[in-house]
C-alpha atoms as a PDB file:
ATOM      1  CA  MET A   1      14.937  -8.315   1.830  1.00  0.00           C
ATOM      2  CA  SER A   2      14.463  -9.594   5.320  1.00  0.00           C
ATOM      3  CA  PHE A   3      12.501  -6.517   6.393  1.00  0.00           C
ATOM      4  CA  LEU A   4       9.496  -7.413   4.222  1.00  0.00           C
ATOM      5  CA  GLU A   5       6.703  -9.927   4.769  1.00  0.00           C
ATOM      6  CA  ILE A   6       3.878 -10.382   2.280  1.00  0.00           C
ATOM      7  CA  TYR A   7       0.694 -12.388   2.887  1.00  0.00           C
ATOM      8  CA  TYR A   8      -2.086 -13.100   0.418  1.00  0.00           C
ATOM      9  CA  TYR A   9      -5.481 -14.373   1.444  1.00  0.00           C
ATOM     10  CA  LYS A  10      -6.037 -15.342  -2.184  1.00  0.00           C
ATOM     11  CA  LYS A  11      -3.588 -16.246  -4.970  1.00  0.00           C
ATOM     12  CA  ILE A  12      -2.756 -13.240  -7.109  1.00  0.00           C
ATOM     13  CA  SER A  13      -0.433 -12.828 -10.063  1.00  0.00           C
ATOM     14  CA  LEU A  14       1.470  -9.863  -8.597  1.00  0.00           C
ATOM     15  CA  SER A  15       4.655 -11.613  -7.524  1.00  0.00           C
ATOM     16  CA  LYS A  16       6.334 -11.073  -4.199  1.00  0.00           C
ATOM     17  CA  SER A  17       9.586 -10.609  -6.090  1.00  0.00           C
ATOM     18  CA  LEU A  18       8.116  -7.686  -8.050  1.00  0.00           C
ATOM     19  CA  ILE A  19       6.799  -6.130  -4.844  1.00  0.00           C
ATOM     20  CA  ARG A  20      10.258  -6.437  -3.256  1.00  0.00           C
ATOM     21  CA  LYS A  21      11.951  -4.852  -6.299  1.00  0.00           C
ATOM     22  CA  SER A  22       9.367  -2.062  -6.338  1.00  0.00           C
ATOM     23  CA  LEU A  23       9.930  -1.362  -2.645  1.00  0.00           C
ATOM     24  CA  LYS A  24      13.666  -1.028  -3.262  1.00  0.00           C
ATOM     25  CA  ILE A  25      12.898   1.753  -5.748  1.00  0.00           C
ATOM     26  CA  LEU A  26      10.459   3.449  -3.339  1.00  0.00           C
ATOM     27  CA  LYS A  27      13.027   3.222  -0.520  1.00  0.00           C
ATOM     28  CA  SER A  28      15.667   4.820  -2.700  1.00  0.00           C
ATOM     29  CA  GLU A  29      13.466   7.571  -4.171  1.00  0.00           C
ATOM     30  CA  LEU A  30      11.897   8.501  -0.830  1.00  0.00           C
ATOM     31  CA  SER A  31      15.143   8.046   1.153  1.00  0.00           C
ATOM     32  CA  LEU A  32      13.422   5.556   3.433  1.00  0.00           C
ATOM     33  CA  SER A  33      14.841   3.183   5.942  1.00  0.00           C
ATOM     34  CA  ILE A  34      12.590   0.204   6.598  1.00  0.00           C
ATOM     35  CA  ALA A  35      13.057  -1.902   9.711  1.00  0.00           C
ATOM     36  CA  HIS A  36       9.947  -4.016   9.056  1.00  0.00           C
ATOM     37  CA  LEU A  37       7.030  -3.856   6.650  1.00  0.00           C
ATOM     38  CA  GLN A  38       4.243  -6.381   6.361  1.00  0.00           C
ATOM     39  CA  ILE A  39       1.844  -6.260   3.407  1.00  0.00           C
ATOM     40  CA  ASN A  40      -1.411  -8.177   3.851  1.00  0.00           C
ATOM     41  CA  ILE A  41      -3.966  -8.697   1.104  1.00  0.00           C
ATOM     42  CA  LEU A  42      -7.205  -9.647   2.835  1.00  0.00           C
ATOM     43  CA  ASN A  43     -10.887 -10.167   2.139  1.00  0.00           C
ATOM     44  CA  ASP A  44     -13.507  -7.491   2.826  1.00  0.00           C
ATOM     45  CA  ALA A  45     -14.700  -9.080   6.078  1.00  0.00           C
ATOM     46  CA  ASP A  46     -11.204  -8.935   7.570  1.00  0.00           C
ATOM     47  CA  ILE A  47     -10.691  -5.302   6.484  1.00  0.00           C
ATOM     48  CA  ILE A  48     -14.043  -4.305   7.997  1.00  0.00           C
ATOM     49  CA  SER A  49     -13.123  -6.099  11.221  1.00  0.00           C
ATOM     50  CA  LEU A  50      -9.775  -4.255  11.438  1.00  0.00           C
ATOM     51  CA  ASN A  51     -11.498  -0.966  10.665  1.00  0.00           C
ATOM     52  CA  GLN A  52     -14.037  -1.539  13.454  1.00  0.00           C
ATOM     53  CA  LYS A  53     -11.581  -2.856  16.021  1.00  0.00           C
ATOM     54  CA  TYR A  54      -8.732  -0.376  15.610  1.00  0.00           C
ATOM     55  CA  LEU A  55     -10.198   2.701  13.929  1.00  0.00           C
ATOM     56  CA  ASN A  56     -13.815   2.653  15.173  1.00  0.00           C
ATOM     57  CA  HIS A  57     -15.080   2.813  11.563  1.00  0.00           C
ATOM     58  CA  ASP A  58     -17.977   0.573  10.619  1.00  0.00           C
ATOM     59  CA  TYR A  59     -17.308   0.343   6.882  1.00  0.00           C
ATOM     60  CA  ASN A  60     -15.044  -1.171   4.288  1.00  0.00           C
ATOM     61  CA  THR A  61     -12.006   0.562   2.825  1.00  0.00           C
ATOM     62  CA  ASP A  62      -9.472  -0.399   0.178  1.00  0.00           C
ATOM     63  CA  ILE A  63      -6.439   0.080   2.430  1.00  0.00           C
ATOM     64  CA  ILE A  64      -5.527   0.473   6.088  1.00  0.00           C
ATOM     65  CA  THR A  65      -1.989   1.375   7.126  1.00  0.00           C
ATOM     66  CA  PHE A  66      -0.623   1.001  10.639  1.00  0.00           C
ATOM     67  CA  ASP A  67       2.582   2.779  11.618  1.00  0.00           C
ATOM     68  CA  TYR A  68       4.150   1.180  14.708  1.00  0.00           C
ATOM     69  CA  ARG A  69       7.070   3.604  15.094  1.00  0.00           C
ATOM     70  CA  VAL A  70       7.456   5.570  18.284  1.00  0.00           C
ATOM     71  CA  GLU A  71       8.963   8.491  16.367  1.00  0.00           C
ATOM     72  CA  LEU A  72       8.565   9.403  12.705  1.00  0.00           C
ATOM     73  CA  ALA A  73      12.359   9.718  12.388  1.00  0.00           C
ATOM     74  CA  ASN A  74      12.822   6.003  13.166  1.00  0.00           C
ATOM     75  CA  PRO A  75      13.021   3.446  10.348  1.00  0.00           C
ATOM     76  CA  ILE A  76       9.601   2.346   9.099  1.00  0.00           C
ATOM     77  CA  ASP A  77       7.904  -0.367  11.124  1.00  0.00           C
ATOM     78  CA  GLY A  78       4.408  -0.900   9.852  1.00  0.00           C
ATOM     79  CA  GLU A  79       1.710  -2.951   8.223  1.00  0.00           C
ATOM     80  CA  ILE A  80      -0.385  -2.396   5.136  1.00  0.00           C
ATOM     81  CA  PHE A  81      -3.751  -4.143   4.829  1.00  0.00           C
ATOM     82  CA  ILE A  82      -5.352  -4.181   1.382  1.00  0.00           C
ATOM     83  CA  SER A  83      -8.865  -5.325   0.521  1.00  0.00           C
ATOM     84  CA  PHE A  84      -8.658  -7.750  -2.393  1.00  0.00           C
ATOM     85  CA  GLU A  85     -12.314  -7.175  -3.299  1.00  0.00           C
ATOM     86  CA  ASP A  86     -11.978  -3.381  -3.219  1.00  0.00           C
ATOM     87  CA  ALA A  87      -8.850  -3.608  -5.356  1.00  0.00           C
ATOM     88  CA  GLN A  88     -10.837  -5.680  -7.879  1.00  0.00           C
ATOM     89  CA  LYS A  89     -13.705  -3.156  -7.871  1.00  0.00           C
ATOM     90  CA  ASN A  90     -11.318  -0.211  -8.271  1.00  0.00           C
ATOM     91  CA  ALA A  91      -9.489  -1.959 -11.122  1.00  0.00           C
ATOM     92  CA  GLU A  92     -12.788  -2.466 -12.962  1.00  0.00           C
ATOM     93  CA  LYS A  93     -14.005   1.058 -12.213  1.00  0.00           C
ATOM     94  CA  TYR A  94     -10.798   2.712 -13.447  1.00  0.00           C
ATOM     95  CA  LYS A  95     -10.229   0.183 -16.253  1.00  0.00           C
ATOM     96  CA  VAL A  96      -6.795  -0.916 -15.063  1.00  0.00           C
ATOM     97  CA  SER A  97      -5.396  -4.344 -14.275  1.00  0.00           C
ATOM     98  CA  LEU A  98      -5.765  -5.821 -10.791  1.00  0.00           C
ATOM     99  CA  ASN A  99      -1.957  -5.815 -10.466  1.00  0.00           C
ATOM    100  CA  ASN A 100      -1.895  -2.105 -11.349  1.00  0.00           C
ATOM    101  CA  GLU A 101      -4.451  -1.374  -8.627  1.00  0.00           C
ATOM    102  CA  LEU A 102      -2.706  -3.549  -6.042  1.00  0.00           C
ATOM    103  CA  MET A 103       0.593  -1.802  -6.751  1.00  0.00           C
ATOM    104  CA  ARG A 104      -1.119   1.602  -6.469  1.00  0.00           C
ATOM    105  CA  LEU A 105      -2.450   0.606  -3.047  1.00  0.00           C
ATOM    106  CA  ILE A 106       0.974  -0.627  -1.918  1.00  0.00           C
ATOM    107  CA  ILE A 107       2.481   2.697  -3.031  1.00  0.00           C
ATOM    108  CA  HIS A 108      -0.305   4.531  -1.175  1.00  0.00           C
ATOM    109  CA  GLY A 109       0.485   2.627   2.027  1.00  0.00           C
ATOM    110  CA  VAL A 110       4.219   3.266   1.730  1.00  0.00           C
ATOM    111  CA  LEU A 111       3.538   6.971   1.180  1.00  0.00           C
ATOM    112  CA  HIS A 112       1.478   7.031   4.388  1.00  0.00           C
ATOM    113  CA  LEU A 113       4.343   5.350   6.239  1.00  0.00           C
ATOM    114  CA  SER A 114       6.794   7.886   4.819  1.00  0.00           C
ATOM    115  CA  GLY A 115       4.796  10.820   6.214  1.00  0.00           C
ATOM    116  CA  PHE A 116       2.251  11.659   3.502  1.00  0.00           C
ATOM    117  CA  ASP A 117      -1.370  12.133   4.485  1.00  0.00           C
ATOM    118  CA  ASP A 118      -4.650  12.454   2.609  1.00  0.00           C
ATOM    119  CA  LYS A 119      -6.981  14.086   5.099  1.00  0.00           C
ATOM    120  CA  SER A 120      -7.368  17.426   3.279  1.00  0.00           C
ATOM    121  CA  SER A 121      -8.026  17.984  -0.431  1.00  0.00           C
ATOM    122  CA  ILE A 122      -4.572  19.560  -0.856  1.00  0.00           C
ATOM    123  CA  GLU A 123      -2.896  16.562   0.805  1.00  0.00           C
ATOM    124  CA  LYS A 124      -4.987  14.170  -1.311  1.00  0.00           C
ATOM    125  CA  ARG A 125      -3.874  15.872  -4.532  1.00  0.00           C
ATOM    126  CA  LYS A 126      -0.228  15.810  -3.480  1.00  0.00           C
ATOM    127  CA  MET A 127      -0.451  12.155  -2.463  1.00  0.00           C
ATOM    128  CA  LYS A 128      -2.269  11.180  -5.677  1.00  0.00           C
ATOM    129  CA  LYS A 129       0.427  12.958  -7.693  1.00  0.00           C
ATOM    130  CA  MET A 130       3.105  10.932  -5.872  1.00  0.00           C
ATOM    131  CA  GLU A 131       1.125   7.695  -6.363  1.00  0.00           C
ATOM    132  CA  ASN A 132       0.850   8.387 -10.099  1.00  0.00           C
ATOM    133  CA  TYR A 133       4.541   9.263 -10.359  1.00  0.00           C
ATOM    134  CA  PHE A 134       5.666   6.042  -8.666  1.00  0.00           C
ATOM    135  CA  LEU A 135       3.111   3.893 -10.452  1.00  0.00           C
ATOM    136  CA  GLU A 136       4.319   5.130 -13.853  1.00  0.00           C
ATOM    137  CA  LYS A 137       7.961   4.718 -12.804  1.00  0.00           C
ATOM    138  CA  LEU A 138       7.382   1.150 -11.631  1.00  0.00           C
ATOM    139  CA  LYS A 139       5.307   0.266 -14.702  1.00  0.00           C
ATOM    140  CA  ALA A 140       8.149   1.496 -16.912  1.00  0.00           C
ATOM    141  CA  GLU A 141      10.625  -0.633 -14.935  1.00  0.00           C
ATOM    142  CA  PHE A 142       8.516  -3.785 -14.495  1.00  0.00           C
ATOM    143  CA  GLU A 143       5.600  -5.350 -16.320  1.00  0.00           C
ATOM    144  CA  PHE A 144       2.476  -5.713 -14.199  1.00  0.00           C
END
């Protein structure tokens, strides 16, 4: 898949091949066209810096998604930034594997890029339902 770039700040066991295969399923299920998608797994300091610089938020977050499309109807062109440390904390908190949490965050970012939002409680519930659906589907297809 030439449309996908993946960068890790730290070695993780979630393979790039598995991420690519998972994205093929998401593309198909969500009827997405992806021109370019970059997934970046960063440390907390880098996430905080991005949050301050581009979103004027002075705090950490587990994921930041940037959509570079001019129009929502265009193929996806975006970046997903995931905090490795937050993913670790969430995995421990929810008693899931780090790979499970990283995949959930990737799904979350793709859902944002496909038009889902989580600003209201109703939107959050709908998005969480979609995250859970895709996470279970991918876990059934692949081991992570």
